[in-house]
Protein backbone atom coordinates (compact mmCIF):
# COMPACT_ATOMS: atom_id res chain seq x y z
CA UNK A 1 -48.79 -28.81 -34.32
CA UNK A 2 -51.87 -30.78 -35.26
CA UNK A 3 -55.25 -30.62 -33.61
CA UNK A 4 -56.64 -33.78 -32.03
CA UNK A 5 -60.39 -34.15 -31.72
CA UNK A 6 -61.17 -36.22 -28.66
CA UNK A 7 -64.07 -36.43 -26.23
CA UNK A 8 -61.77 -35.57 -23.31
CA UNK A 9 -60.65 -32.11 -24.43
CA UNK A 10 -60.40 -29.89 -21.33
CA UNK A 11 -62.72 -26.89 -21.30
CA UNK A 12 -61.72 -23.54 -19.84
CA UNK A 13 -64.41 -20.85 -20.01
CA UNK A 14 -65.75 -22.49 -23.16
CA UNK A 15 -62.37 -22.85 -24.89
CA UNK A 16 -61.50 -26.24 -26.33
CA UNK A 17 -57.84 -27.29 -26.17
CA UNK A 18 -56.36 -29.64 -28.76
CA UNK A 19 -53.06 -31.37 -28.01
CA UNK A 20 -50.41 -32.74 -30.32
CA UNK A 21 -48.61 -35.95 -29.36
CA UNK A 22 -45.32 -34.23 -28.46
CA UNK A 23 -46.95 -31.83 -26.02
CA UNK A 24 -49.13 -34.54 -24.54
CA UNK A 25 -46.12 -36.77 -23.84
CA UNK A 26 -44.29 -33.94 -22.04
CA UNK A 27 -47.15 -33.22 -19.65
CA UNK A 28 -47.63 -34.64 -16.20
CA UNK A 29 -50.49 -37.18 -16.29
CA UNK A 30 -52.12 -35.65 -13.21
CA UNK A 31 -51.98 -32.05 -14.47
CA UNK A 32 -55.45 -30.74 -15.22
CA UNK A 33 -55.95 -27.63 -17.32
CA UNK A 34 -59.53 -27.17 -16.20
CA UNK A 35 -59.75 -24.18 -13.88
CA UNK A 36 -60.66 -25.64 -10.50
CA UNK A 37 -62.53 -23.97 -7.68
CA UNK A 38 -59.37 -23.13 -5.79
CA UNK A 39 -57.53 -22.08 -8.98
CA UNK A 40 -54.58 -24.40 -8.39
CA UNK A 41 -53.93 -24.29 -12.12
CA UNK A 42 -54.27 -20.99 -13.93
CA UNK A 43 -53.75 -19.92 -17.49
CA UNK A 44 -50.88 -17.51 -17.83
CA UNK A 45 -51.80 -15.73 -21.06
CA UNK A 46 -53.03 -16.22 -24.61
CA UNK A 47 -51.47 -15.32 -27.94
CA UNK A 48 -52.85 -15.32 -31.43
CA UNK A 49 -50.95 -17.82 -33.53
CA UNK A 50 -50.50 -16.61 -37.11
CA UNK A 51 -49.66 -19.11 -39.85
CA UNK A 52 -46.20 -17.60 -40.40
CA UNK A 53 -45.50 -16.80 -36.74
CA UNK A 54 -42.89 -18.96 -34.96
CA UNK A 55 -43.83 -20.60 -31.68
CA UNK A 56 -43.30 -18.34 -28.71
CA UNK A 57 -40.80 -19.68 -26.17
CA UNK A 58 -42.46 -21.59 -23.34
CA UNK A 59 -45.87 -22.01 -24.93
CA UNK A 60 -47.07 -25.57 -24.91
CA UNK A 61 -50.73 -25.78 -25.82
CA UNK A 62 -52.94 -24.74 -28.70
CA UNK A 63 -56.67 -24.13 -28.96
CA UNK A 64 -59.27 -22.87 -31.37
CA UNK A 65 -62.02 -20.37 -30.64
CA UNK A 66 -64.53 -19.31 -33.28
CA UNK A 67 -62.14 -20.58 -35.94
CA UNK A 68 -59.17 -18.58 -34.55
CA UNK A 69 -56.11 -20.57 -33.53
CA UNK A 70 -54.80 -19.50 -30.13
CA UNK A 71 -51.80 -20.75 -28.19
CA UNK A 72 -51.08 -20.23 -24.54
CA UNK A 73 -48.83 -21.20 -21.65
CA UNK A 74 -49.89 -23.05 -18.52
CA UNK A 75 -48.19 -22.93 -15.14
CA UNK A 76 -49.21 -24.39 -11.79
CA UNK A 77 -49.27 -21.41 -9.42
CA UNK A 78 -51.35 -22.86 -6.60
CA UNK A 79 -53.83 -20.04 -6.86
CA UNK A 80 -51.27 -17.25 -7.19
CA UNK A 81 -50.98 -14.86 -10.13
CA UNK A 82 -48.00 -12.51 -10.14
CA UNK A 83 -47.61 -8.98 -11.46
CA UNK A 84 -45.21 -10.28 -14.11
CA UNK A 85 -47.83 -12.71 -15.38
CA UNK A 86 -50.37 -9.90 -15.50
CA UNK A 87 -47.90 -7.66 -17.32
CA UNK A 88 -47.13 -10.42 -19.83
CA UNK A 89 -50.84 -10.67 -20.52
CA UNK A 90 -51.37 -6.95 -20.95
CA UNK A 91 -48.42 -6.67 -23.33
CA UNK A 92 -50.26 -8.95 -25.76
CA UNK A 93 -53.30 -6.70 -26.20
CA UNK A 94 -52.42 -5.87 -29.82
CA UNK A 95 -52.48 -9.57 -30.70
CA UNK A 96 -55.62 -10.15 -28.68
CA UNK A 97 -57.35 -7.31 -30.51
CA UNK A 98 -57.10 -9.39 -33.68
CA UNK A 99 -59.25 -12.05 -32.05
CA UNK A 100 -63.02 -11.61 -31.91
CA UNK A 101 -64.18 -9.03 -29.41
CA UNK A 102 -66.04 -11.65 -27.37
CA UNK A 103 -62.87 -13.69 -27.02
CA UNK A 104 -60.90 -10.63 -25.93
CA UNK A 105 -63.48 -9.81 -23.26
CA UNK A 106 -63.40 -13.43 -22.17
CA UNK A 107 -59.66 -13.23 -21.50
CA UNK A 108 -59.98 -9.94 -19.61
CA UNK A 109 -62.77 -11.39 -17.49
CA UNK A 110 -60.68 -14.44 -16.67
CA UNK A 111 -57.69 -12.31 -15.66
CA UNK A 112 -59.86 -10.08 -13.47
CA UNK A 113 -61.37 -13.10 -11.72
CA UNK A 114 -57.96 -14.63 -11.05
CA UNK A 115 -56.73 -11.37 -9.53
CA UNK A 116 -59.88 -10.99 -7.41
CA UNK A 117 -59.76 -14.56 -6.10
CA UNK A 118 -56.06 -14.24 -5.30
CA UNK A 119 -56.66 -10.96 -3.42
CA UNK A 120 -59.63 -12.38 -1.52
CA UNK A 121 -57.65 -15.50 -0.59
CA UNK A 122 -54.88 -13.37 0.93
CA UNK A 123 -57.35 -11.33 2.98
CA UNK A 124 -59.13 -14.49 4.15
CA UNK A 125 -55.88 -16.12 5.25
CA UNK A 126 -54.83 -13.01 7.17
CA UNK A 127 -58.16 -12.59 8.99
CA UNK A 128 -58.37 -16.31 9.71
CA UNK A 129 -54.94 -16.29 11.33
CA UNK A 130 -55.89 -13.24 13.41
CA UNK A 131 -59.08 -14.99 14.54
CA UNK A 132 -57.30 -18.17 15.66
CA UNK A 133 -54.54 -16.27 17.47
CA UNK A 134 -57.04 -13.94 19.19
CA UNK A 135 -59.11 -16.88 20.42
CA UNK A 136 -56.04 -18.62 21.83
CA UNK A 137 -54.90 -15.43 23.56
CA UNK A 138 -58.32 -14.85 25.10
CA UNK A 139 -58.54 -18.41 26.37
CA UNK A 140 -54.98 -18.34 27.69
CA UNK A 141 -55.40 -15.07 29.58
CA UNK A 142 -58.73 -16.19 31.00
CA UNK A 143 -57.32 -19.47 32.25
CA UNK A 144 -54.27 -17.77 33.74
CA UNK A 145 -56.19 -15.04 35.59
CA UNK A 146 -59.23 -17.03 36.67
CA UNK A 147 -58.04 -20.61 36.98
CA UNK A 148 -60.11 -21.24 40.10
CA UNK A 149 -63.33 -20.14 38.38
CA UNK A 150 -63.64 -23.26 36.27
CA UNK A 151 -67.17 -22.78 35.01
CA UNK A 152 -66.57 -19.21 33.84
CA UNK A 153 -63.54 -20.38 31.91
CA UNK A 154 -65.47 -23.31 30.45
CA UNK A 155 -68.13 -20.94 29.08
CA UNK A 156 -65.44 -18.70 27.57
CA UNK A 157 -63.69 -21.67 25.99
CA UNK A 158 -66.96 -22.91 24.49
CA UNK A 159 -67.74 -19.43 23.14
CA UNK A 160 -64.28 -19.28 21.55
CA UNK A 161 -64.70 -22.70 19.98
CA UNK A 162 -67.98 -21.56 18.41
CA UNK A 163 -66.88 -18.04 17.51
CA UNK A 164 -63.66 -18.87 15.68
CA UNK A 165 -65.21 -21.13 13.02
CA UNK A 166 -67.97 -18.57 12.51
CA UNK A 167 -65.41 -15.84 11.92
CA UNK A 168 -63.57 -18.06 9.45
CA UNK A 169 -66.80 -18.90 7.67
CA UNK A 170 -67.87 -15.29 7.22
CA UNK A 171 -64.36 -14.35 6.08
CA UNK A 172 -64.55 -17.08 3.47
CA UNK A 173 -67.92 -15.67 2.29
CA UNK A 174 -69.48 -19.09 2.27
CA UNK A 175 -66.56 -20.86 0.56
CA UNK A 176 -66.71 -24.19 2.41
CA UNK A 177 -63.67 -25.63 0.61
CA UNK A 178 -61.53 -22.73 1.80
CA UNK A 179 -63.14 -22.92 5.26
CA UNK A 180 -62.16 -26.57 5.70
CA UNK A 181 -58.60 -25.92 4.50
CA UNK A 182 -58.21 -22.96 6.88
CA UNK A 183 -58.73 -25.08 10.01
CA UNK A 184 -55.31 -26.00 11.40
CA UNK A 185 -54.67 -29.71 11.94
């Protein structure tokens, strides 16, 4: 592999990625390796690439950090990171120890953040679904039991319409992107 120096090298937590022509031609044009806010694309793990070490199966990008050549694998997980991916990462600690301590801490921090975001996303989705279902149940029961009391029902409906988005917002902890995606269409 040869390193290409271009102005459009994707940056991930300060790492610069250099692509060879073969890898670049195999990639989807729309695939971005920059970690986005919703973590649609995540880095699976990193390995130290020694001069006499053969390429590890499935790895398809190479980077340099403080003069150390590092290769890694990318997969589009739509924000999910599995236990197997985490285990694959932890099994490489001996190789990662050869990299500068700051780089090692950088990888651990990235893995922790991915796990935290994935966990928080699952909790948010669950609470959001509960909130929408509860609001619908409350409105339905109210309408069924007190259909003739139109104004009372109207107030309850309006309260539900206001309360549900507020619940979703607080569950999302201010994440407006997630909040907008959580509203059913």
